[in-house]
N, C-alpha and C. Protein backbone atom coordinates (compact mmCIF):
# COMPACT_ATOMS: atom_id res chain seq x y z
N MET A 1 0.82 -1.18 0.00
CA MET A 1 0.00 0.00 0.00
C MET A 1 0.87 1.26 0.00
N ALA A 2 1.91 1.23 0.81
CA ALA A 2 2.76 2.41 0.91
C ALA A 2 3.39 2.76 -0.43
N ALA A 3 3.81 1.74 -1.18
CA ALA A 3 4.45 1.99 -2.47
C ALA A 3 3.52 2.75 -3.42
N LEU A 4 2.23 2.49 -3.33
CA LEU A 4 1.28 3.15 -4.23
C LEU A 4 0.69 4.43 -3.63
N LEU A 5 0.36 4.41 -2.35
CA LEU A 5 -0.31 5.56 -1.76
C LEU A 5 0.65 6.71 -1.43
N LEU A 6 1.87 6.40 -1.03
CA LEU A 6 2.79 7.47 -0.66
C LEU A 6 3.58 8.02 -1.84
N LYS A 7 3.92 7.17 -2.76
CA LYS A 7 4.74 7.63 -3.89
C LYS A 7 3.91 8.13 -5.05
N GLY A 8 2.64 7.73 -5.11
CA GLY A 8 1.80 8.17 -6.21
C GLY A 8 2.10 7.50 -7.53
N ASP A 9 2.80 6.36 -7.47
CA ASP A 9 3.16 5.65 -8.68
C ASP A 9 1.98 4.85 -9.23
N GLU A 10 2.09 4.50 -10.48
CA GLU A 10 1.18 3.56 -11.12
C GLU A 10 2.06 2.41 -11.60
N LEU A 11 1.83 1.23 -11.04
CA LEU A 11 2.73 0.10 -11.27
C LEU A 11 1.98 -1.14 -11.70
N SER A 12 2.67 -1.98 -12.45
CA SER A 12 2.13 -3.30 -12.73
C SER A 12 2.30 -4.14 -11.46
N ILE A 13 1.60 -5.24 -11.40
CA ILE A 13 1.73 -6.11 -10.23
C ILE A 13 3.15 -6.67 -10.16
N THR A 14 3.74 -6.97 -11.30
CA THR A 14 5.13 -7.46 -11.32
C THR A 14 6.08 -6.41 -10.76
N ASP A 15 5.94 -5.16 -11.21
CA ASP A 15 6.79 -4.09 -10.70
C ASP A 15 6.58 -3.87 -9.20
N LEU A 16 5.33 -3.94 -8.78
CA LEU A 16 5.01 -3.76 -7.37
C LEU A 16 5.64 -4.87 -6.53
N ALA A 17 5.59 -6.10 -7.02
CA ALA A 17 6.21 -7.23 -6.31
C ALA A 17 7.72 -7.03 -6.19
N GLU A 18 8.36 -6.55 -7.28
CA GLU A 18 9.80 -6.32 -7.25
C GLU A 18 10.16 -5.20 -6.28
N ARG A 19 9.42 -4.10 -6.31
CA ARG A 19 9.72 -2.96 -5.43
C ARG A 19 9.54 -3.29 -3.97
N THR A 20 8.55 -4.11 -3.67
CA THR A 20 8.27 -4.43 -2.27
C THR A 20 8.99 -5.70 -1.81
N ASP A 21 9.68 -6.36 -2.74
CA ASP A 21 10.40 -7.59 -2.43
C ASP A 21 9.47 -8.66 -1.85
N LEU A 22 8.27 -8.75 -2.45
CA LEU A 22 7.29 -9.76 -2.05
C LEU A 22 7.02 -10.68 -3.23
N ALA A 23 6.51 -11.85 -2.95
CA ALA A 23 6.19 -12.81 -4.00
C ALA A 23 5.01 -12.30 -4.83
N TYR A 24 5.07 -12.55 -6.13
CA TYR A 24 4.00 -12.12 -7.04
C TYR A 24 2.62 -12.58 -6.56
N PRO A 25 2.43 -13.87 -6.18
CA PRO A 25 1.09 -14.29 -5.74
C PRO A 25 0.59 -13.51 -4.53
N THR A 26 1.48 -13.17 -3.62
CA THR A 26 1.09 -12.39 -2.44
C THR A 26 0.62 -11.01 -2.86
N VAL A 27 1.38 -10.36 -3.72
CA VAL A 27 1.01 -9.02 -4.18
C VAL A 27 -0.30 -9.08 -4.98
N HIS A 28 -0.44 -10.07 -5.83
CA HIS A 28 -1.66 -10.23 -6.63
C HIS A 28 -2.89 -10.35 -5.73
N ARG A 29 -2.78 -11.17 -4.69
CA ARG A 29 -3.89 -11.37 -3.75
C ARG A 29 -4.22 -10.07 -3.00
N GLU A 30 -3.19 -9.38 -2.50
CA GLU A 30 -3.43 -8.16 -1.74
C GLU A 30 -3.96 -7.04 -2.62
N VAL A 31 -3.47 -6.94 -3.83
CA VAL A 31 -3.99 -5.94 -4.77
C VAL A 31 -5.47 -6.20 -5.02
N GLY A 32 -5.84 -7.46 -5.19
CA GLY A 32 -7.26 -7.81 -5.38
C GLY A 32 -8.11 -7.36 -4.22
N ARG A 33 -7.63 -7.57 -3.02
CA ARG A 33 -8.38 -7.14 -1.81
C ARG A 33 -8.51 -5.62 -1.76
N LEU A 34 -7.44 -4.93 -2.08
CA LEU A 34 -7.48 -3.46 -2.02
C LEU A 34 -8.31 -2.87 -3.17
N LEU A 35 -8.34 -3.55 -4.31
CA LEU A 35 -9.24 -3.13 -5.40
C LEU A 35 -10.69 -3.30 -4.97
N ASP A 36 -11.01 -4.45 -4.37
CA ASP A 36 -12.38 -4.71 -3.90
C ASP A 36 -12.81 -3.71 -2.84
N ALA A 37 -11.86 -3.26 -2.01
CA ALA A 37 -12.17 -2.29 -0.95
C ALA A 37 -12.26 -0.87 -1.49
N GLY A 38 -11.89 -0.67 -2.75
CA GLY A 38 -11.95 0.67 -3.34
C GLY A 38 -10.77 1.56 -2.99
N ILE A 39 -9.72 0.98 -2.44
CA ILE A 39 -8.53 1.76 -2.06
C ILE A 39 -7.60 1.92 -3.25
N LEU A 40 -7.56 0.91 -4.11
CA LEU A 40 -6.75 0.97 -5.32
C LEU A 40 -7.66 0.96 -6.54
N ALA A 41 -7.11 1.47 -7.64
CA ALA A 41 -7.80 1.46 -8.94
C ALA A 41 -6.84 0.87 -9.95
N GLU A 42 -7.38 0.42 -11.07
CA GLU A 42 -6.53 -0.17 -12.10
C GLU A 42 -6.99 0.27 -13.48
N ARG A 43 -6.05 0.17 -14.41
CA ARG A 43 -6.38 0.36 -15.82
C ARG A 43 -5.55 -0.63 -16.61
N GLN A 44 -6.11 -1.02 -17.72
CA GLN A 44 -5.47 -2.01 -18.58
C GLN A 44 -4.73 -1.30 -19.70
N VAL A 45 -3.47 -1.63 -19.90
CA VAL A 45 -2.68 -1.14 -21.02
C VAL A 45 -2.14 -2.38 -21.73
N GLY A 46 -2.78 -2.73 -22.82
CA GLY A 46 -2.44 -3.98 -23.48
C GLY A 46 -2.80 -5.13 -22.56
N ARG A 47 -1.82 -5.96 -22.25
CA ARG A 47 -2.05 -7.09 -21.34
C ARG A 47 -1.64 -6.78 -19.91
N THR A 48 -1.19 -5.57 -19.67
CA THR A 48 -0.68 -5.19 -18.36
C THR A 48 -1.74 -4.44 -17.56
N ARG A 49 -1.91 -4.84 -16.30
CA ARG A 49 -2.79 -4.12 -15.37
C ARG A 49 -1.93 -3.13 -14.60
N LEU A 50 -2.24 -1.86 -14.70
CA LEU A 50 -1.52 -0.84 -13.94
C LEU A 50 -2.36 -0.47 -12.73
N ILE A 51 -1.73 -0.50 -11.57
CA ILE A 51 -2.41 -0.28 -10.30
C ILE A 51 -1.96 1.06 -9.73
N ARG A 52 -2.92 1.78 -9.15
CA ARG A 52 -2.63 3.08 -8.53
C ARG A 52 -3.62 3.32 -7.38
N ALA A 53 -3.38 4.35 -6.61
CA ALA A 53 -4.31 4.72 -5.55
C ALA A 53 -5.62 5.21 -6.17
N ALA A 54 -6.73 4.85 -5.56
CA ALA A 54 -8.05 5.32 -6.00
C ALA A 54 -8.29 6.68 -5.35
N GLU A 55 -7.87 7.73 -6.04
CA GLU A 55 -7.89 9.08 -5.45
C GLU A 55 -9.29 9.54 -5.02
N ASP A 56 -10.33 8.98 -5.62
CA ASP A 56 -11.69 9.39 -5.27
C ASP A 56 -12.24 8.64 -4.05
N SER A 57 -11.47 7.69 -3.52
CA SER A 57 -11.92 6.93 -2.36
C SER A 57 -11.75 7.76 -1.09
N PRO A 58 -12.76 7.77 -0.22
CA PRO A 58 -12.62 8.50 1.05
C PRO A 58 -11.64 7.82 2.01
N LEU A 59 -11.19 6.62 1.68
CA LEU A 59 -10.25 5.90 2.54
C LEU A 59 -8.80 6.24 2.25
N VAL A 60 -8.51 6.72 1.05
CA VAL A 60 -7.11 6.89 0.63
C VAL A 60 -6.39 7.95 1.47
N GLU A 61 -6.97 9.10 1.65
CA GLU A 61 -6.26 10.16 2.39
C GLU A 61 -5.98 9.78 3.85
N PRO A 62 -6.97 9.22 4.59
CA PRO A 62 -6.65 8.79 5.96
C PRO A 62 -5.57 7.70 5.99
N LEU A 63 -5.60 6.79 5.02
CA LEU A 63 -4.56 5.75 4.97
C LEU A 63 -3.20 6.36 4.69
N ARG A 64 -3.16 7.38 3.83
CA ARG A 64 -1.89 8.06 3.56
C ARG A 64 -1.32 8.67 4.84
N LEU A 65 -2.18 9.26 5.65
CA LEU A 65 -1.71 9.86 6.90
C LEU A 65 -1.11 8.80 7.82
N ILE A 66 -1.77 7.66 7.92
CA ILE A 66 -1.26 6.57 8.76
C ILE A 66 0.05 6.04 8.20
N LEU A 67 0.09 5.82 6.90
CA LEU A 67 1.31 5.30 6.27
C LEU A 67 2.46 6.29 6.37
N THR A 68 2.17 7.58 6.31
CA THR A 68 3.21 8.59 6.43
C THR A 68 3.92 8.48 7.77
N ILE A 69 3.15 8.22 8.82
CA ILE A 69 3.73 8.12 10.15
C ILE A 69 4.43 6.78 10.35
N THR A 70 3.84 5.70 9.83
CA THR A 70 4.39 4.38 10.11
C THR A 70 5.49 3.95 9.15
N THR A 71 5.34 4.20 7.87
CA THR A 71 6.37 3.78 6.90
C THR A 71 6.91 4.93 6.08
N GLY A 72 6.33 6.09 6.24
CA GLY A 72 6.70 7.24 5.43
C GLY A 72 8.09 7.80 5.57
N PRO A 73 8.73 7.69 6.74
CA PRO A 73 10.06 8.28 6.84
C PRO A 73 11.02 7.80 5.76
N ALA A 74 11.03 6.53 5.44
CA ALA A 74 11.95 6.03 4.41
C ALA A 74 11.61 6.65 3.05
N VAL A 75 10.34 6.71 2.72
CA VAL A 75 9.92 7.26 1.43
C VAL A 75 10.26 8.74 1.34
N HIS A 76 9.88 9.50 2.37
CA HIS A 76 10.11 10.94 2.35
C HIS A 76 11.59 11.30 2.43
N LEU A 77 12.34 10.56 3.24
CA LEU A 77 13.78 10.82 3.30
C LEU A 77 14.45 10.50 1.97
N GLY A 78 13.99 9.45 1.32
CA GLY A 78 14.53 9.12 0.00
C GLY A 78 14.34 10.25 -0.99
N ARG A 79 13.15 10.82 -0.99
CA ARG A 79 12.87 11.96 -1.88
C ARG A 79 13.73 13.17 -1.53
N GLU A 80 13.77 13.50 -0.27
CA GLU A 80 14.48 14.70 0.18
C GLU A 80 16.00 14.58 0.00
N LEU A 81 16.56 13.45 0.40
CA LEU A 81 18.01 13.31 0.36
C LEU A 81 18.56 13.05 -1.04
N SER A 82 17.74 12.47 -1.91
CA SER A 82 18.24 12.17 -3.26
C SER A 82 18.54 13.44 -4.05
N GLY A 83 17.98 14.56 -3.65
CA GLY A 83 18.25 15.82 -4.34
C GLY A 83 19.46 16.57 -3.82
N ILE A 84 20.15 16.00 -2.84
CA ILE A 84 21.30 16.68 -2.23
C ILE A 84 22.59 16.11 -2.82
N GLU A 85 23.37 16.98 -3.40
CA GLU A 85 24.66 16.57 -3.98
C GLU A 85 25.58 16.05 -2.88
N GLY A 86 26.28 14.97 -3.17
CA GLY A 86 27.24 14.42 -2.23
C GLY A 86 26.70 13.28 -1.38
N VAL A 87 25.39 13.00 -1.47
CA VAL A 87 24.83 11.87 -0.73
C VAL A 87 25.06 10.61 -1.57
N GLU A 88 25.87 9.71 -1.05
CA GLU A 88 26.17 8.46 -1.75
C GLU A 88 25.21 7.34 -1.37
N ALA A 89 24.80 7.32 -0.12
CA ALA A 89 23.87 6.31 0.39
C ALA A 89 23.21 6.86 1.64
N ALA A 90 22.08 6.28 1.99
CA ALA A 90 21.40 6.63 3.24
C ALA A 90 20.57 5.43 3.67
N PHE A 91 20.48 5.24 4.98
CA PHE A 91 19.67 4.14 5.50
C PHE A 91 19.16 4.50 6.89
N LEU A 92 18.04 3.90 7.25
CA LEU A 92 17.48 4.05 8.59
C LEU A 92 18.09 2.98 9.48
N TYR A 93 18.30 3.31 10.73
CA TYR A 93 18.80 2.35 11.71
C TYR A 93 18.13 2.66 13.03
N GLY A 94 18.44 1.92 14.05
CA GLY A 94 17.88 2.18 15.37
C GLY A 94 16.49 1.57 15.54
N SER A 95 15.78 2.07 16.55
CA SER A 95 14.51 1.45 16.93
C SER A 95 13.44 1.55 15.84
N PHE A 96 13.42 2.65 15.08
CA PHE A 96 12.41 2.76 14.02
C PHE A 96 12.62 1.67 12.97
N ALA A 97 13.85 1.48 12.54
CA ALA A 97 14.16 0.43 11.56
C ALA A 97 13.82 -0.94 12.14
N ALA A 98 14.19 -1.17 13.38
CA ALA A 98 13.94 -2.47 14.00
C ALA A 98 12.44 -2.77 14.07
N ARG A 99 11.64 -1.82 14.55
CA ARG A 99 10.18 -2.05 14.65
C ARG A 99 9.56 -2.23 13.27
N SER A 100 10.03 -1.46 12.29
CA SER A 100 9.50 -1.58 10.94
C SER A 100 9.76 -2.96 10.35
N LEU A 101 10.84 -3.60 10.79
CA LEU A 101 11.20 -4.92 10.27
C LEU A 101 10.73 -6.05 11.20
N GLY A 102 9.86 -5.71 12.16
CA GLY A 102 9.23 -6.73 12.99
C GLY A 102 9.95 -7.13 14.25
N VAL A 103 11.00 -6.40 14.62
CA VAL A 103 11.70 -6.71 15.86
C VAL A 103 10.87 -6.16 17.02
N PRO A 104 10.51 -6.99 17.99
CA PRO A 104 9.67 -6.50 19.10
C PRO A 104 10.41 -5.49 19.97
N GLY A 105 9.62 -4.64 20.58
CA GLY A 105 10.16 -3.63 21.48
C GLY A 105 9.22 -2.46 21.57
N PRO A 106 9.57 -1.49 22.39
CA PRO A 106 8.70 -0.32 22.54
C PRO A 106 8.62 0.50 21.25
N ALA A 107 7.53 1.21 21.08
CA ALA A 107 7.34 2.04 19.89
C ALA A 107 8.44 3.09 19.82
N PRO A 108 8.97 3.31 18.64
CA PRO A 108 10.05 4.31 18.50
C PRO A 108 9.50 5.72 18.62
N SER A 109 10.29 6.59 19.20
CA SER A 109 9.87 7.99 19.31
C SER A 109 10.53 8.86 18.26
N ASP A 110 11.56 8.32 17.62
CA ASP A 110 12.28 9.10 16.62
C ASP A 110 12.76 8.20 15.49
N VAL A 111 13.37 8.82 14.49
CA VAL A 111 13.89 8.10 13.33
C VAL A 111 15.36 8.46 13.19
N ASP A 112 16.22 7.44 13.17
CA ASP A 112 17.66 7.66 12.99
C ASP A 112 18.00 7.35 11.54
N VAL A 113 18.68 8.28 10.89
CA VAL A 113 19.09 8.08 9.49
C VAL A 113 20.58 8.32 9.37
N MET A 114 21.27 7.39 8.73
CA MET A 114 22.70 7.51 8.45
C MET A 114 22.84 7.97 7.01
N VAL A 115 23.56 9.07 6.81
CA VAL A 115 23.81 9.60 5.47
C VAL A 115 25.30 9.41 5.20
N VAL A 116 25.62 8.73 4.10
CA VAL A 116 27.00 8.44 3.76
C VAL A 116 27.40 9.30 2.56
N GLY A 117 28.54 9.97 2.68
CA GLY A 117 29.04 10.82 1.61
C GLY A 117 29.60 12.11 2.16
N SER A 118 29.60 13.13 1.30
CA SER A 118 30.11 14.44 1.68
C SER A 118 29.11 15.53 1.30
N PRO A 119 27.88 15.43 1.79
CA PRO A 119 26.88 16.44 1.44
C PRO A 119 27.03 17.69 2.29
N ASP A 120 26.35 18.74 1.88
CA ASP A 120 26.26 19.95 2.69
C ASP A 120 25.44 19.62 3.93
N THR A 121 26.03 19.77 5.09
CA THR A 121 25.38 19.41 6.35
C THR A 121 24.08 20.16 6.55
N ASP A 122 24.06 21.45 6.25
CA ASP A 122 22.85 22.25 6.43
C ASP A 122 21.71 21.73 5.55
N GLU A 123 22.03 21.29 4.33
CA GLU A 123 21.00 20.75 3.44
C GLU A 123 20.41 19.45 4.00
N VAL A 124 21.27 18.60 4.56
CA VAL A 124 20.79 17.35 5.14
C VAL A 124 19.88 17.64 6.34
N TYR A 125 20.31 18.53 7.20
CA TYR A 125 19.49 18.86 8.38
C TYR A 125 18.17 19.51 7.97
N SER A 126 18.18 20.35 6.97
CA SER A 126 16.94 20.96 6.48
C SER A 126 16.00 19.90 5.91
N ALA A 127 16.55 18.97 5.15
CA ALA A 127 15.74 17.89 4.58
C ALA A 127 15.12 17.06 5.70
N CYS A 128 15.90 16.75 6.72
CA CYS A 128 15.38 15.97 7.84
C CYS A 128 14.31 16.74 8.61
N ASP A 129 14.47 18.04 8.74
CA ASP A 129 13.45 18.86 9.41
C ASP A 129 12.14 18.82 8.63
N ARG A 130 12.21 18.88 7.29
CA ARG A 130 10.98 18.82 6.48
C ARG A 130 10.28 17.47 6.65
N VAL A 131 11.05 16.40 6.67
CA VAL A 131 10.47 15.07 6.86
C VAL A 131 9.88 14.96 8.26
N GLN A 132 10.59 15.49 9.24
CA GLN A 132 10.11 15.47 10.62
C GLN A 132 8.73 16.11 10.74
N GLU A 133 8.53 17.22 10.06
CA GLU A 133 7.22 17.89 10.09
C GLU A 133 6.13 17.01 9.49
N ARG A 134 6.46 16.27 8.43
CA ARG A 134 5.46 15.41 7.77
C ARG A 134 5.11 14.19 8.59
N VAL A 135 6.10 13.56 9.22
CA VAL A 135 5.87 12.27 9.88
C VAL A 135 5.59 12.38 11.38
N GLY A 136 5.75 13.56 11.95
CA GLY A 136 5.44 13.75 13.36
C GLY A 136 6.40 13.06 14.31
N ARG A 137 7.61 12.79 13.86
CA ARG A 137 8.66 12.20 14.71
C ARG A 137 9.96 12.93 14.45
N ALA A 138 10.78 13.04 15.47
CA ALA A 138 12.10 13.63 15.28
C ALA A 138 12.90 12.77 14.31
N VAL A 139 13.61 13.40 13.40
CA VAL A 139 14.48 12.70 12.44
C VAL A 139 15.90 13.14 12.74
N ASN A 140 16.74 12.19 13.15
CA ASN A 140 18.10 12.47 13.60
C ASN A 140 19.12 11.97 12.59
N PRO A 141 19.74 12.87 11.83
CA PRO A 141 20.74 12.41 10.87
C PRO A 141 22.12 12.25 11.49
N THR A 142 22.83 11.25 11.01
CA THR A 142 24.25 11.08 11.29
C THR A 142 24.91 11.07 9.92
N ILE A 143 25.89 11.94 9.73
CA ILE A 143 26.55 12.05 8.43
C ILE A 143 27.99 11.57 8.56
N LEU A 144 28.33 10.57 7.74
CA LEU A 144 29.68 10.02 7.75
C LEU A 144 30.18 9.87 6.31
N THR A 145 31.46 10.04 6.12
CA THR A 145 32.04 9.72 4.82
C THR A 145 32.16 8.19 4.73
N ALA A 146 32.38 7.68 3.54
CA ALA A 146 32.54 6.23 3.38
C ALA A 146 33.73 5.73 4.20
N LYS A 147 34.78 6.54 4.28
CA LYS A 147 35.96 6.15 5.06
C LYS A 147 35.61 6.08 6.55
N GLU A 148 34.88 7.07 7.05
CA GLU A 148 34.47 7.06 8.45
C GLU A 148 33.58 5.86 8.76
N LEU A 149 32.71 5.50 7.81
CA LEU A 149 31.81 4.37 8.01
C LEU A 149 32.57 3.04 8.08
N SER A 150 33.71 2.97 7.44
CA SER A 150 34.49 1.73 7.46
C SER A 150 35.36 1.62 8.71
N ALA A 151 35.42 2.66 9.51
CA ALA A 151 36.24 2.63 10.73
C ALA A 151 35.66 1.63 11.73
N ASP A 152 36.50 1.23 12.65
CA ASP A 152 36.10 0.26 13.66
C ASP A 152 35.70 1.00 14.92
N SER A 153 34.40 1.07 15.20
CA SER A 153 33.94 1.69 16.44
C SER A 153 32.78 0.87 16.98
N GLY A 154 32.56 0.95 18.26
CA GLY A 154 31.45 0.24 18.89
C GLY A 154 30.11 0.66 18.30
N PHE A 155 29.95 1.95 18.06
CA PHE A 155 28.72 2.46 17.48
C PHE A 155 28.45 1.84 16.11
N LEU A 156 29.45 1.84 15.23
CA LEU A 156 29.26 1.31 13.89
C LEU A 156 29.08 -0.20 13.88
N VAL A 157 29.76 -0.91 14.76
CA VAL A 157 29.55 -2.36 14.87
C VAL A 157 28.10 -2.61 15.26
N HIS A 158 27.59 -1.83 16.20
CA HIS A 158 26.19 -1.97 16.63
C HIS A 158 25.23 -1.68 15.48
N VAL A 159 25.45 -0.58 14.76
CA VAL A 159 24.58 -0.22 13.63
C VAL A 159 24.58 -1.33 12.58
N LYS A 160 25.75 -1.81 12.21
CA LYS A 160 25.88 -2.82 11.16
C LYS A 160 25.32 -4.18 11.55
N SER A 161 25.24 -4.46 12.83
CA SER A 161 24.76 -5.77 13.28
C SER A 161 23.28 -5.77 13.64
N ASN A 162 22.61 -4.66 13.45
CA ASN A 162 21.18 -4.56 13.75
C ASN A 162 20.41 -4.19 12.49
N PRO A 163 19.08 -4.28 12.54
CA PRO A 163 18.27 -4.02 11.35
C PRO A 163 18.46 -2.60 10.81
N VAL A 164 18.54 -2.52 9.49
CA VAL A 164 18.60 -1.24 8.80
C VAL A 164 17.66 -1.29 7.59
N ILE A 165 17.21 -0.13 7.16
CA ILE A 165 16.34 -0.01 6.00
C ILE A 165 17.01 0.91 4.99
N PRO A 166 17.42 0.39 3.84
CA PRO A 166 18.03 1.25 2.83
C PRO A 166 17.06 2.33 2.37
N VAL A 167 17.56 3.54 2.21
CA VAL A 167 16.76 4.67 1.74
C VAL A 167 17.26 5.12 0.37
N ILE A 168 18.58 5.24 0.25
CA ILE A 168 19.22 5.61 -1.02
C ILE A 168 20.41 4.69 -1.23
N GLY A 169 20.52 4.11 -2.40
CA GLY A 169 21.65 3.26 -2.72
C GLY A 169 21.66 1.96 -1.96
N ASP A 170 22.74 1.24 -2.11
CA ASP A 170 22.93 -0.03 -1.40
C ASP A 170 23.59 0.23 -0.05
N LEU A 171 23.44 -0.73 0.83
CA LEU A 171 24.14 -0.62 2.11
C LEU A 171 25.64 -0.62 1.83
N PRO A 172 26.37 0.31 2.44
CA PRO A 172 27.79 0.47 2.12
C PRO A 172 28.72 -0.50 2.85
N TRP A 173 28.26 -1.67 3.18
CA TRP A 173 29.13 -2.69 3.76
C TRP A 173 28.80 -4.05 3.25
């Protein structure tokens, strides 16, 4: 749902399965349920079914608000940080990433994002502030160069050994 409602994309079921890293039959079944509920809409282009948010549904906007808070930080940070020169990679870590990936524990109060590269620090902090306003949670950036990320520290060992969610690029390890 987040891939379609937050990004505003129109995707085939195959593309949606690839983007969400889910099996095609699972995506096909869930798309069918969301079409029946009026949350998604489709159009046929040749033999391909293109799926999108049903903008006229009264359910879409409230669902977007919920998704923005629960899964939106990755989507919004991806948009914001991808426009900043010098960002080589970015990923979420900490309690928000862990809860998003099903690790039990208390609800996260903030979002930790690691930005790898040599971007303008003020631009990164401004981007995080904009996302923070949208998602209603503090967004805490840590900016490291690729060389700094490869250093041996307790903090980085902890980050690398716990759940992370890629936002931009591949994980740099």
